[in-house]
Amino acid sequence: MRITALESLHCAAGTRVWSFLKLSTDSGVTGWAEYTDNQLGSVALAEVIAGLGRRVVGTDPRRLRLLEATLRSAVREAAGGLAQRAVGAILNAALDVTARALDVPVHALFGGPVRDRIPLYWSHCGLGRIRMSEALGTAPLRDLDDVRALGAEVRARGFRALKTNLMVYDGSRIALRLPAWGDEGFPGLEPTPRFVADVAEVVAAFRAGAGPDVEVLLDVNFNVKGEGIGRLARAVEPSDLSWLEVDTFEPLALVHARRHTPVRIASGEALYGARAYRPFLDSGALDVPVVDVAWNGFPEAVRIAELADSYDLNIAPHNYAGHLLTFMSAQLAAVVPNLAVLEYDVDGVPWRDEVFTEIPRIVDGDLLLPAGPGWGCVPDEDAVRAHPVDR
């Protein structure tokens, strides 16, 4: 078997663009990977994938270790970032090809599943209802009563946890504070007392609506830094926050926060490779390592999970996009013993289910392990092209 071509396809998905890599072979078996985020931090990722892909056309995708070594040697002087995300996409598509050629799920190549039901948390809870509620067909999020109602909806639909992002209520509307998406604020916010109090107020409303049995998580991305992380964590303690998720490349900032609050700290989605996680694990900087399957590539994601397991820590796969990425992340969640919970976006554009051959099966807040070969899901190319990206 030899790789004959690599092609990227993109699909409009509301506030995101879903991006997919199609890997064709001379045997007629095709592999897929999702690498969504091509329009944010990964601008030009498709071009990097295309450049690297030319190096591996003509090689056997089943020789995954050789393929990985070849790709890593090609980017070692600029490791991480776009280079690692491109390597991860190609490896993931090759892994799908390998499993499909054997007619087995990806998890079978890694020793089989530890579990066949995967606990989920409702991610980005409220964001879509602020940005595009009409397109989603949901009630908008306008005030704290709406926040409480959404928390109650999470509980009623059987989810045991929800995660929201930085938002405040200014007396007239709920406003996001996520500048990467064009919202107000600066990427490294200096949280004023008023800002901290306003965020805590929204978190308290989620807690009131969700009740005591639903975990509430808060993700600030890179938007709070330094000692502000601890200040925000202390402010949300009364809401029994299950974890505060913070992106940073400075482990000592998280060490400082953990010393001053009982709130668990989650981090790591922006780290590449097990080597990058070591300083965070050695310093005791985090409680929940977050691992991205798309950006690291599945083999390295497994290594990161195994490294975290040696520190007695449970991981949470980063899963923020289309159903294919959910299926890819589910394969990781199935094979590692040290799983905390899997991220899942409940709200999505009306055509989300049409774009994929399979959709997640969710029962009582758990994702049932996908069946079928490879990832268990592929994009429908005609449906993808029916929703072109307006560039």
Protein backbone atom coordinates (compact mmCIF):
# COMPACT_ATOMS: atom_id res chain seq x y z
CA MET A 1 0.00 0.00 0.00
CA ARG A 2 1.29 3.47 -0.88
CA ILE A 3 0.03 7.00 -0.23
CA THR A 4 -1.03 8.60 -3.51
CA ALA A 5 -2.48 11.96 -2.40
CA LEU A 6 -3.42 14.16 0.55
CA GLU A 7 -6.27 16.66 0.25
CA SER A 8 -7.78 19.12 2.70
CA LEU A 9 -11.51 19.87 2.76
CA HIS A 10 -13.17 22.67 4.70
CA CYS A 11 -16.76 23.12 5.86
CA ALA A 12 -18.51 26.19 7.25
CA ALA A 13 -19.70 25.50 10.80
CA GLY A 14 -21.02 28.76 12.17
CA THR A 15 -18.29 30.38 14.27
CA ARG A 16 -15.82 27.67 13.24
CA VAL A 17 -14.52 26.06 10.08
CA TRP A 18 -14.26 22.27 10.20
CA SER A 19 -11.11 21.08 8.43
CA PHE A 20 -10.45 17.52 7.29
CA LEU A 21 -7.52 15.68 5.75
CA LYS A 22 -8.24 12.96 3.19
CA LEU A 23 -5.41 10.48 2.62
CA SER A 24 -5.74 8.34 -0.52
CA THR A 25 -3.84 5.15 -1.27
CA ASP A 26 -3.21 2.95 -4.31
CA SER A 27 -5.18 0.13 -2.64
CA GLY A 28 -8.41 2.12 -2.70
CA VAL A 29 -8.51 2.48 1.10
CA THR A 30 -8.96 6.09 2.22
CA GLY A 31 -8.11 7.54 5.63
CA TRP A 32 -9.43 10.68 7.28
CA ALA A 33 -8.48 13.01 10.10
CA GLU A 34 -10.06 16.19 11.44
CA TYR A 35 -7.75 19.10 12.24
CA THR A 36 -10.25 21.94 12.75
CA ASP A 37 -8.90 25.34 13.87
CA ASN A 38 -7.45 26.28 10.51
CA GLN A 39 -8.94 29.77 10.86
CA LEU A 40 -7.69 30.65 14.37
CA GLY A 41 -4.31 29.78 15.88
CA SER A 42 -3.67 27.39 13.00
CA VAL A 43 -3.99 29.87 10.13
CA ALA A 44 -2.25 28.36 7.06
CA LEU A 45 -2.20 24.86 8.60
CA ALA A 46 -3.64 23.37 5.40
CA GLU A 47 -0.64 24.71 3.48
CA VAL A 48 1.81 23.23 6.00
CA ILE A 49 0.06 19.86 5.74
CA ALA A 50 0.28 20.01 1.96
CA GLY A 51 4.01 20.77 2.09
CA LEU A 52 4.78 17.97 4.52
CA GLY A 53 2.43 15.63 2.71
CA ARG A 54 4.50 15.82 -0.45
CA ARG A 55 7.37 14.23 1.49
CA VAL A 56 5.38 11.08 2.26
CA VAL A 57 3.53 10.46 -1.02
CA GLY A 58 4.67 7.06 -2.22
CA THR A 59 5.33 5.68 1.28
CA ASP A 60 3.42 2.95 3.12
CA PRO A 61 0.98 4.57 5.60
CA ARG A 62 0.90 1.38 7.69
CA ARG A 63 4.54 1.83 8.72
CA LEU A 64 3.38 4.39 11.23
CA ARG A 65 6.57 4.54 13.28
CA LEU A 66 8.66 5.19 10.17
CA LEU A 67 6.15 7.76 8.94
CA GLU A 68 6.24 9.53 12.32
CA ALA A 69 10.05 9.53 12.44
CA THR A 70 10.23 10.86 8.88
CA LEU A 71 7.80 13.70 9.56
CA ARG A 72 9.37 14.66 12.88
CA SER A 73 12.85 14.79 11.37
CA ALA A 74 11.52 17.11 8.68
CA VAL A 75 10.24 19.65 11.25
CA ARG A 76 12.70 19.23 14.12
CA GLU A 77 14.18 22.71 13.66
CA ALA A 78 10.70 24.22 13.99
CA ALA A 79 9.00 21.67 16.22
CA GLY A 80 5.65 22.41 17.80
CA GLY A 81 2.99 24.82 16.59
CA LEU A 82 1.80 24.44 13.02
CA ALA A 83 4.50 21.87 12.26
CA GLN A 84 3.33 19.50 15.00
CA ARG A 85 -0.33 20.00 14.10
CA ALA A 86 0.47 19.08 10.50
CA VAL A 87 2.40 15.99 11.59
CA GLY A 88 -0.51 15.01 13.82
CA ALA A 89 -3.06 15.33 11.02
CA ILE A 90 -1.03 13.17 8.62
CA LEU A 91 -0.37 10.50 11.26
CA ASN A 92 -4.03 10.41 12.26
CA ALA A 93 -5.16 9.93 8.65
CA ALA A 94 -2.54 7.19 8.19
CA LEU A 95 -3.75 5.48 11.36
CA ASP A 96 -7.31 5.52 10.03
CA VAL A 97 -6.11 3.93 6.78
CA THR A 98 -4.23 1.24 8.69
CA ALA A 99 -7.23 0.33 10.82
CA ARG A 100 -9.62 0.38 7.85
CA ALA A 101 -7.32 -1.87 5.83
CA LEU A 102 -7.52 -4.39 8.71
CA ASP A 103 -11.27 -3.74 9.19
CA VAL A 104 -10.79 -2.94 12.88
CA PRO A 105 -11.34 0.16 15.05
CA VAL A 106 -8.31 2.27 15.87
CA HIS A 107 -8.51 1.19 19.51
CA ALA A 108 -7.80 -2.42 18.44
CA LEU A 109 -4.33 -1.31 17.28
CA PHE A 110 -3.60 -0.09 20.83
CA GLY A 111 -4.71 -3.13 22.80
CA GLY A 112 -8.46 -2.68 22.71
CA PRO A 113 -10.79 -0.56 24.83
CA VAL A 114 -10.68 -0.19 28.59
CA ARG A 115 -14.27 1.10 28.54
CA ASP A 116 -17.19 1.14 26.12
CA ARG A 117 -19.03 4.09 27.72
CA ILE A 118 -17.25 7.43 27.92
CA PRO A 119 -18.39 10.15 30.35
CA LEU A 120 -18.95 13.54 28.70
CA TYR A 121 -19.11 17.15 29.75
CA TRP A 122 -21.15 19.77 27.87
CA SER A 123 -18.49 22.13 26.52
CA HIS A 124 -18.66 25.81 25.50
CA CYS A 125 -21.93 25.92 27.39
CA GLY A 126 -23.69 29.13 26.42
CA LEU A 127 -21.24 30.40 23.80
CA GLY A 128 -23.29 29.45 20.75
CA ARG A 129 -26.44 30.79 22.38
CA ILE A 130 -24.78 34.17 22.68
CA ARG A 131 -23.24 34.23 19.20
CA MET A 132 -25.76 32.45 16.96
CA SER A 133 -28.81 31.24 18.84
CA GLU A 134 -31.09 31.80 15.84
CA ALA A 135 -28.91 29.57 13.62
CA LEU A 136 -28.76 26.94 16.35
CA GLY A 137 -32.50 27.04 16.92
CA THR A 138 -32.00 27.58 20.65
CA ALA A 139 -33.11 30.20 23.12
CA PRO A 140 -30.62 33.08 23.35
CA LEU A 141 -28.51 33.70 26.45
CA ARG A 142 -29.43 37.23 27.51
CA ASP A 143 -29.33 37.45 31.30
CA LEU A 144 -28.65 35.48 34.46
CA ASP A 145 -32.10 33.86 34.39
CA ASP A 146 -31.20 32.42 30.98
CA VAL A 147 -27.90 31.16 32.41
CA ARG A 148 -29.73 29.41 35.24
CA ALA A 149 -32.17 27.89 32.75
CA LEU A 150 -29.30 26.56 30.65
CA GLY A 151 -27.71 25.01 33.73
CA ALA A 152 -31.01 23.27 34.46
CA GLU A 153 -31.16 22.05 30.83
CA VAL A 154 -27.74 20.43 31.21
CA ARG A 155 -28.98 18.53 34.25
CA ALA A 156 -32.27 17.57 32.60
CA ARG A 157 -30.48 16.14 29.55
CA GLY A 158 -28.41 13.81 31.68
CA PHE A 159 -24.98 15.45 31.54
CA ARG A 160 -22.96 15.28 34.72
CA ALA A 161 -20.75 18.29 33.95
CA LEU A 162 -20.73 21.53 31.98
CA LYS A 163 -17.91 23.84 30.98
CA THR A 164 -18.36 27.49 30.17
CA ASN A 165 -15.98 30.30 29.23
CA LEU A 166 -15.30 33.86 30.28
CA MET A 167 -18.56 35.78 30.21
CA VAL A 168 -20.02 38.60 32.28
CA TYR A 169 -23.43 40.18 32.80
CA ASP A 170 -23.32 43.97 32.50
CA GLY A 171 -26.94 44.55 33.50
CA SER A 172 -28.24 44.55 29.92
CA ARG A 173 -26.67 41.49 28.26
CA ILE A 174 -24.38 38.53 28.71
CA ALA A 175 -21.07 39.42 27.06
CA LEU A 176 -18.14 37.16 26.18
CA ARG A 177 -14.54 38.03 27.00
CA LEU A 178 -12.75 35.92 24.39
CA PRO A 179 -10.64 38.26 22.24
CA ALA A 180 -9.35 35.48 19.95
CA TRP A 181 -12.92 35.31 18.60
CA GLY A 182 -13.20 39.07 18.22
CA ASP A 183 -14.87 39.68 21.58
CA GLU A 184 -13.93 42.45 23.97
CA GLY A 185 -10.72 42.43 25.99
CA PHE A 186 -7.03 41.76 25.42
CA PRO A 187 -5.48 38.27 25.07
CA GLY A 188 -3.76 38.53 28.47
CA LEU A 189 -6.43 40.14 30.64
CA GLU A 190 -5.51 41.87 33.88
CA PRO A 191 -8.61 40.86 35.84
CA THR A 192 -9.98 43.82 37.73
CA PRO A 193 -12.04 43.23 40.89
CA ARG A 194 -15.19 44.09 38.94
CA PHE A 195 -14.35 41.66 36.16
CA VAL A 196 -13.61 38.85 38.63
CA ALA A 197 -16.86 39.49 40.48
CA ASP A 198 -18.86 39.55 37.24
CA VAL A 199 -17.38 36.23 36.04
CA ALA A 200 -18.07 34.67 39.44
CA GLU A 201 -21.68 35.87 39.20
CA VAL A 202 -22.21 34.04 35.92
CA VAL A 203 -20.57 30.88 37.26
CA ALA A 204 -22.84 31.05 40.31
CA ALA A 205 -25.87 31.26 38.02
CA PHE A 206 -24.77 28.11 36.18
CA ARG A 207 -24.32 26.37 39.53
CA ALA A 208 -27.77 27.47 40.75
CA GLY A 209 -29.43 26.13 37.61
CA ALA A 210 -27.42 22.93 37.32
CA GLY A 211 -27.80 21.96 40.96
CA PRO A 212 -25.29 20.28 43.27
CA ASP A 213 -24.88 17.04 41.29
CA VAL A 214 -23.62 18.60 38.02
CA GLU A 215 -19.96 19.57 37.91
CA VAL A 216 -19.28 23.13 36.73
CA LEU A 217 -16.00 23.89 34.91
CA LEU A 218 -14.61 27.24 33.73
CA ASP A 219 -12.18 27.60 30.80
CA VAL A 220 -10.33 30.92 30.49
CA ASN A 221 -8.01 29.81 27.64
CA PHE A 222 -4.99 32.19 27.55
CA ASN A 223 -7.07 35.13 28.72
CA VAL A 224 -6.04 35.22 32.38
CA LYS A 225 -2.42 34.99 33.42
CA GLY A 226 -0.02 35.08 36.35
CA GLU A 227 -1.37 35.78 39.82
CA GLY A 228 -4.75 36.63 38.28
CA ILE A 229 -5.35 32.89 37.84
CA GLY A 230 -5.37 32.35 41.60
CA ARG A 231 -7.54 35.42 42.23
CA LEU A 232 -10.16 34.19 39.80
CA ALA A 233 -10.01 30.66 41.22
CA ARG A 234 -10.65 31.97 44.75
CA ALA A 235 -13.58 34.06 43.52
CA VAL A 236 -15.38 31.05 42.06
CA GLU A 237 -14.71 28.72 45.01
CA PRO A 238 -18.17 29.37 46.53
CA SER A 239 -19.77 27.87 43.40
CA ASP A 240 -17.96 24.57 44.02
CA LEU A 241 -16.12 24.83 40.70
CA SER A 242 -14.80 21.42 39.69
CA TRP A 243 -11.89 22.80 37.70
CA LEU A 244 -10.46 26.03 36.31
CA GLU A 245 -8.90 25.45 32.90
CA VAL A 246 -6.04 27.76 31.96
CA ASP A 247 -3.76 27.76 28.92
CA THR A 248 -0.22 28.83 29.69
CA PHE A 249 3.36 27.93 28.84
CA GLU A 250 4.50 28.89 32.35
CA PRO A 251 4.02 26.03 34.84
CA LEU A 252 4.97 28.15 37.85
CA ALA A 253 1.91 30.36 37.30
CA LEU A 254 -0.27 27.29 37.83
CA VAL A 255 1.84 26.13 40.79
CA HIS A 256 1.20 29.51 42.42
CA ALA A 257 -2.54 29.26 41.76
CA ARG A 258 -2.78 25.72 43.16
CA ARG A 259 -1.09 26.87 46.39
CA HIS A 260 -3.79 29.46 46.97
CA THR A 261 -7.01 27.66 46.05
CA PRO A 262 -8.58 24.21 46.44
CA VAL A 263 -10.05 24.49 42.92
CA ARG A 264 -8.48 21.93 40.58
CA ILE A 265 -6.39 23.28 37.71
CA ALA A 266 -6.70 21.81 34.19
CA SER A 267 -4.27 22.72 31.42
CA GLY A 268 -2.27 21.40 28.50
CA GLU A 269 -4.36 21.60 25.34
CA ALA A 270 -1.80 23.95 23.74
CA LEU A 271 1.19 21.74 24.61
CA TYR A 272 2.84 19.51 22.01
CA GLY A 273 4.43 16.19 22.87
CA ALA A 274 5.10 14.38 26.12
CA ARG A 275 8.32 16.36 26.57
CA ALA A 276 6.36 19.62 26.89
CA TYR A 277 4.14 18.15 29.63
CA ARG A 278 7.07 17.08 31.81
CA PRO A 279 7.77 20.48 33.46
CA PHE A 280 4.07 20.81 34.33
CA LEU A 281 3.93 17.32 35.80
CA ASP A 282 7.27 17.52 37.62
CA SER A 283 6.35 20.83 39.26
CA GLY A 284 2.86 19.73 40.27
CA ALA A 285 1.36 22.51 38.17
CA LEU A 286 -1.90 20.82 37.21
CA ASP A 287 -4.52 18.36 38.36
CA VAL A 288 -6.09 17.46 34.99
CA PRO A 289 -3.84 17.26 31.92
CA VAL A 290 -5.80 18.21 28.80
CA VAL A 291 -4.58 16.35 25.69
CA ASP A 292 -5.36 17.20 22.06
CA VAL A 293 -5.55 14.17 19.73
CA ALA A 294 -5.72 16.23 16.52
CA TRP A 295 -2.74 18.45 17.26
CA ASN A 296 -0.41 15.88 18.85
CA GLY A 297 -1.39 12.92 16.70
CA PHE A 298 -2.94 9.83 18.25
CA PRO A 299 0.30 7.93 19.00
CA GLU A 300 1.80 10.88 20.89
CA ALA A 301 -1.51 11.53 22.67
CA VAL A 302 -1.35 7.96 24.02
CA ARG A 303 2.23 8.58 25.21
CA ILE A 304 1.15 11.77 26.98
CA ALA A 305 -1.68 9.89 28.70
CA GLU A 306 0.75 7.18 29.80
CA LEU A 307 3.15 9.81 31.15
CA ALA A 308 0.31 11.45 33.09
CA ASP A 309 -0.68 8.04 34.45
CA SER A 310 2.79 7.67 35.96
CA TYR A 311 1.94 10.77 38.03
CA ASP A 312 -1.48 9.31 39.01
CA LEU A 313 -3.30 11.94 36.96
CA ASN A 314 -6.36 11.41 34.77
CA ILE A 315 -6.52 13.14 31.39
CA ALA A 316 -9.32 14.99 29.60
CA PRO A 317 -9.14 14.89 25.77
CA HIS A 318 -9.54 18.28 24.08
CA ASN A 319 -12.49 17.92 21.68
CA TYR A 320 -13.92 21.13 20.28
CA ALA A 321 -15.10 20.57 16.71
CA GLY A 322 -16.99 18.18 14.41
CA HIS A 323 -18.15 14.62 14.94
CA LEU A 324 -15.01 13.13 13.38
CA LEU A 325 -12.86 14.73 16.07
CA THR A 326 -15.31 13.42 18.68
CA PHE A 327 -14.86 9.91 17.29
CA MET A 328 -11.07 10.34 17.22
CA SER A 329 -11.05 11.58 20.81
CA ALA A 330 -13.36 8.75 21.84
CA GLN A 331 -10.79 6.23 20.62
CA LEU A 332 -8.22 7.79 22.96
CA ALA A 333 -10.73 7.91 25.81
CA ALA A 334 -11.43 4.22 25.23
CA VAL A 335 -7.83 2.94 25.32
CA VAL A 336 -6.28 4.88 28.22
CA PRO A 337 -7.02 3.69 31.76
CA ASN A 338 -6.56 7.17 33.25
CA LEU A 339 -9.53 9.07 31.78
CA ALA A 340 -11.31 11.83 33.67
CA VAL A 341 -13.96 12.92 31.17
CA LEU A 342 -14.34 13.75 27.46
CA GLU A 343 -15.22 17.21 26.14
CA TYR A 344 -18.26 17.43 23.82
CA ASP A 345 -20.03 20.35 22.14
CA VAL A 346 -23.76 19.71 22.47
CA ASP A 347 -24.88 22.79 20.53
CA GLY A 348 -24.00 22.85 16.82
CA VAL A 349 -25.08 24.18 13.46
CA PRO A 350 -28.22 22.51 12.03
CA TRP A 351 -26.28 20.70 9.30
CA ARG A 352 -23.70 19.15 11.67
CA ASP A 353 -25.17 15.64 11.55
CA GLU A 354 -25.46 15.77 7.74
CA VAL A 355 -21.73 16.28 7.25
CA PHE A 356 -20.71 12.95 8.81
CA THR A 357 -21.56 9.34 8.05
CA GLU A 358 -22.10 8.58 11.74
CA ILE A 359 -23.16 10.68 14.71
CA PRO A 360 -22.29 10.20 18.39
CA ARG A 361 -24.61 7.93 20.34
CA ILE A 362 -25.16 9.46 23.77
CA VAL A 363 -27.01 7.76 26.62
CA ASP A 364 -27.39 9.34 30.07
CA GLY A 365 -24.50 11.71 29.47
CA ASP A 366 -22.15 8.95 28.22
CA LEU A 367 -20.82 8.50 24.69
CA LEU A 368 -21.14 4.90 23.55
CA LEU A 369 -17.87 3.67 22.06
CA PRO A 370 -18.08 4.07 18.26
CA ALA A 371 -18.35 0.91 16.20
CA GLY A 372 -16.94 0.31 12.75
CA PRO A 373 -13.41 0.36 11.34
CA GLY A 374 -10.94 3.20 11.74
CA TRP A 375 -12.31 6.12 13.70
CA GLY A 376 -15.84 4.83 13.07
CA CYS A 377 -16.84 7.97 11.16
CA VAL A 378 -15.87 9.85 8.00
CA PRO A 379 -17.02 13.15 6.49
CA ASP A 380 -19.59 13.09 3.69
CA GLU A 381 -17.69 14.89 0.95
CA ASP A 382 -20.79 16.10 -0.88
CA ALA A 383 -22.24 17.49 2.35
CA VAL A 384 -18.95 19.20 3.20
CA ARG A 385 -18.86 20.89 -0.21
CA ALA A 386 -22.49 21.94 0.21
CA HIS A 387 -21.35 24.28 3.01
CA PRO A 388 -18.38 26.13 1.51
CA VAL A 389 -16.26 28.47 3.56
CA ASP A 390 -16.62 32.17 2.75
CA ARG A 391 -12.98 33.27 2.78
